[in-house]
Amino acid sequence: MKFKILSPTVAILFLASTMFGADKKVLIEIRASQTVDFTHCSYDFVGERTAQGGPLKLAVLRKEGTTNVFQETVDLSTVYKEHRYAVIITPAGSLNDVSQVFRLAMRQDSKPSGWTQWQRPNYVENSRDATSNFMDDQKSPDRSTNTPPNSFEVRYKIQ
């Protein structure tokens, strides 16, 4: 009798553990020159079905020489199992501003790792659509690999 009650519970826990990362966290660092205005920027950790983030000014900030380094942590157990991830930095200025998109070379089942190398954006595109375009795997006609010289840089590690 106990087995009949216990087996659905075990099955549900097993399925939940395969859908979600088990206690894995991704530490993300975003850096830019101290001359870059970040007060109205936001960041998103984006997958194919989920996005989470917030205002960049609320991230943990440290200064290293002439750069600002922001650090945020994403708990992979809150993200549905996905195959593609990116960090998207979005300005909150005029409509002419573009989002910077950083594709991350990781998967839900990636193993813990050390810090990756700093990377520049893979591309920039219209800030209104960058997150949904990444999620839907759509290539926007205004996408460009000509990134600004004062762009942000991103690195991450999996714990």
Protein backbone atom coordinates (compact mmCIF):
# COMPACT_ATOMS: atom_id res chain seq x y z
CA MET A 1 0.00 0.00 0.00
CA LYS A 2 2.79 2.44 0.89
CA PHE A 3 4.46 1.68 -2.45
CA LYS A 4 1.36 2.82 -4.39
CA ILE A 5 1.39 6.16 -2.57
CA LEU A 6 5.15 6.64 -2.72
CA SER A 7 5.72 5.82 -6.41
CA PRO A 8 3.67 8.76 -7.85
CA THR A 9 5.50 11.11 -5.49
CA VAL A 10 8.91 9.77 -6.57
CA ALA A 11 7.88 10.01 -10.23
CA ILE A 12 6.81 13.64 -9.83
CA LEU A 13 10.05 14.55 -8.07
CA PHE A 14 12.09 12.80 -10.77
CA LEU A 15 10.25 14.62 -13.56
CA ALA A 16 10.62 17.95 -11.78
CA SER A 17 14.36 17.40 -11.38
CA THR A 18 14.72 16.70 -15.10
CA MET A 19 12.72 19.81 -16.05
CA PHE A 20 14.60 22.18 -13.81
CA GLY A 21 18.27 22.56 -12.93
CA ALA A 22 19.04 21.12 -9.55
CA ASP A 23 20.48 23.90 -7.41
CA LYS A 24 22.67 25.24 -10.21
CA LYS A 25 23.36 28.93 -10.32
CA VAL A 26 24.82 31.10 -13.04
CA LEU A 27 26.89 34.07 -11.89
CA ILE A 28 26.84 36.77 -14.54
CA GLU A 29 29.22 39.71 -14.64
CA ILE A 30 28.59 42.69 -16.90
CA ARG A 31 31.27 45.32 -17.33
CA ALA A 32 31.56 48.66 -19.03
CA SER A 33 33.71 51.73 -18.91
CA GLN A 34 32.82 54.11 -16.10
CA THR A 35 31.97 56.63 -18.82
CA VAL A 36 29.00 54.50 -19.98
CA ASP A 37 25.68 55.63 -18.50
CA PHE A 38 23.95 52.56 -17.09
CA THR A 39 21.34 54.24 -14.89
CA HIS A 40 18.45 53.47 -17.26
CA CYS A 41 19.71 50.13 -18.60
CA SER A 42 18.21 46.76 -17.81
CA TYR A 43 19.55 43.25 -18.27
CA ASP A 44 17.77 39.99 -18.99
CA PHE A 45 18.91 36.39 -18.74
CA VAL A 46 16.91 34.89 -21.61
CA GLY A 47 16.13 31.38 -22.77
CA GLU A 48 13.67 30.06 -25.33
CA ARG A 49 10.68 30.31 -22.99
CA THR A 50 11.76 32.40 -20.02
CA ALA A 51 13.42 35.68 -19.24
CA GLN A 52 14.41 37.17 -15.92
CA GLY A 53 16.33 40.26 -15.04
CA GLY A 54 15.88 43.82 -13.93
CA PRO A 55 17.44 47.27 -13.77
CA LEU A 56 21.21 47.12 -14.08
CA LYS A 57 21.60 49.73 -11.35
CA LEU A 58 20.18 47.20 -8.82
CA ALA A 59 22.90 44.62 -9.55
CA VAL A 60 25.90 44.36 -7.22
CA LEU A 61 28.44 46.93 -8.43
CA ARG A 62 32.19 46.99 -7.96
CA LYS A 63 34.71 49.29 -9.57
CA GLU A 64 37.86 47.89 -11.17
CA GLY A 65 40.17 50.62 -12.39
CA THR A 66 38.26 52.51 -15.06
CA THR A 67 35.42 49.98 -15.38
CA ASN A 68 32.18 49.20 -13.58
CA VAL A 69 31.48 45.51 -13.03
CA PHE A 70 27.93 44.42 -12.18
CA GLN A 71 27.20 40.96 -10.81
CA GLU A 72 23.93 39.05 -10.77
CA THR A 73 23.00 35.46 -9.97
CA VAL A 74 20.41 33.39 -11.82
CA ASP A 75 19.04 30.27 -10.18
CA LEU A 76 18.65 27.69 -12.96
CA SER A 77 16.00 25.83 -10.96
CA THR A 78 13.64 28.74 -11.75
CA VAL A 79 14.30 28.46 -15.50
CA TYR A 80 12.59 25.82 -17.64
CA LYS A 81 15.00 23.40 -19.32
CA GLU A 82 16.15 25.22 -22.43
CA HIS A 83 18.82 24.85 -25.10
CA ARG A 84 19.79 28.46 -25.82
CA TYR A 85 20.60 31.30 -23.44
CA ALA A 86 21.63 34.92 -23.78
CA VAL A 87 22.18 38.02 -21.71
CA ILE A 88 20.53 41.08 -23.23
CA ILE A 89 21.43 44.60 -22.12
CA THR A 90 18.65 47.03 -23.00
CA PRO A 91 18.84 50.80 -22.79
CA ALA A 92 15.78 52.71 -21.62
CA GLY A 93 16.56 55.79 -23.65
CA SER A 94 15.33 56.78 -27.08
CA LEU A 95 13.91 54.41 -29.67
CA ASN A 96 17.18 54.76 -31.59
CA ASP A 97 19.09 52.91 -28.85
CA VAL A 98 19.81 49.26 -29.51
CA SER A 99 20.00 46.23 -27.26
CA GLN A 100 23.25 44.34 -26.96
CA VAL A 101 22.81 40.56 -27.21
CA PHE A 102 25.37 38.14 -25.77
CA ARG A 103 24.78 34.49 -26.65
CA LEU A 104 25.96 32.18 -23.89
CA ALA A 105 27.67 28.90 -24.76
CA MET A 106 25.84 26.92 -22.09
CA ARG A 107 22.94 24.52 -21.76
CA GLN A 108 20.65 23.61 -18.87
CA ASP A 109 22.76 20.50 -18.22
CA SER A 110 26.10 22.37 -18.30
CA LYS A 111 28.52 21.37 -15.56
CA PRO A 112 29.93 23.80 -12.99
CA SER A 113 32.73 25.86 -14.51
CA GLY A 114 35.15 28.69 -13.89
CA TRP A 115 34.69 32.15 -15.34
CA THR A 116 34.43 32.36 -19.11
CA GLN A 117 36.42 34.95 -21.04
CA TRP A 118 34.89 38.42 -21.32
CA GLN A 119 32.86 38.62 -24.51
CA ARG A 120 31.54 41.51 -26.53
CA PRO A 121 27.98 41.42 -27.87
CA ASN A 122 27.30 38.94 -30.66
CA TYR A 123 24.98 41.51 -32.20
CA VAL A 124 22.82 44.55 -31.53
CA GLU A 125 19.22 45.15 -32.55
CA ASN A 126 16.13 47.23 -31.90
CA SER A 127 15.66 47.29 -28.12
CA ARG A 128 11.90 46.80 -28.28
CA ASP A 129 12.18 43.37 -29.87
CA ALA A 130 15.54 41.86 -28.91
CA THR A 131 14.27 39.64 -26.09
CA SER A 132 11.26 38.26 -27.95
CA ASN A 133 13.33 37.81 -31.12
CA PHE A 134 15.88 35.73 -29.21
CA MET A 135 13.15 33.68 -27.52
CA ASP A 136 11.40 33.03 -30.83
CA ASP A 137 14.69 32.49 -32.72
CA GLN A 138 13.76 35.28 -35.16
CA LYS A 139 16.35 37.32 -37.01
CA SER A 140 15.37 40.97 -37.00
CA PRO A 141 16.09 43.01 -40.16
CA ASP A 142 17.73 45.65 -37.96
CA ARG A 143 20.19 43.19 -36.40
CA SER A 144 23.82 44.15 -36.82
CA THR A 145 27.16 42.64 -35.83
CA ASN A 146 28.69 46.14 -35.89
CA THR A 147 28.78 46.61 -32.14
CA PRO A 148 29.55 49.99 -30.59
CA PRO A 149 33.13 50.55 -29.40
CA ASN A 150 31.91 51.35 -25.88
CA SER A 151 29.73 48.24 -25.63
CA PHE A 152 29.22 46.22 -22.48
CA GLU A 153 31.08 42.93 -21.97
CA VAL A 154 29.75 39.79 -20.30
CA ARG A 155 31.24 36.72 -18.65
CA TYR A 156 29.66 33.99 -16.53
CA LYS A 157 30.35 30.89 -14.52
CA ILE A 158 28.16 28.00 -13.48
CA GLN A 159 28.13 26.89 -9.86
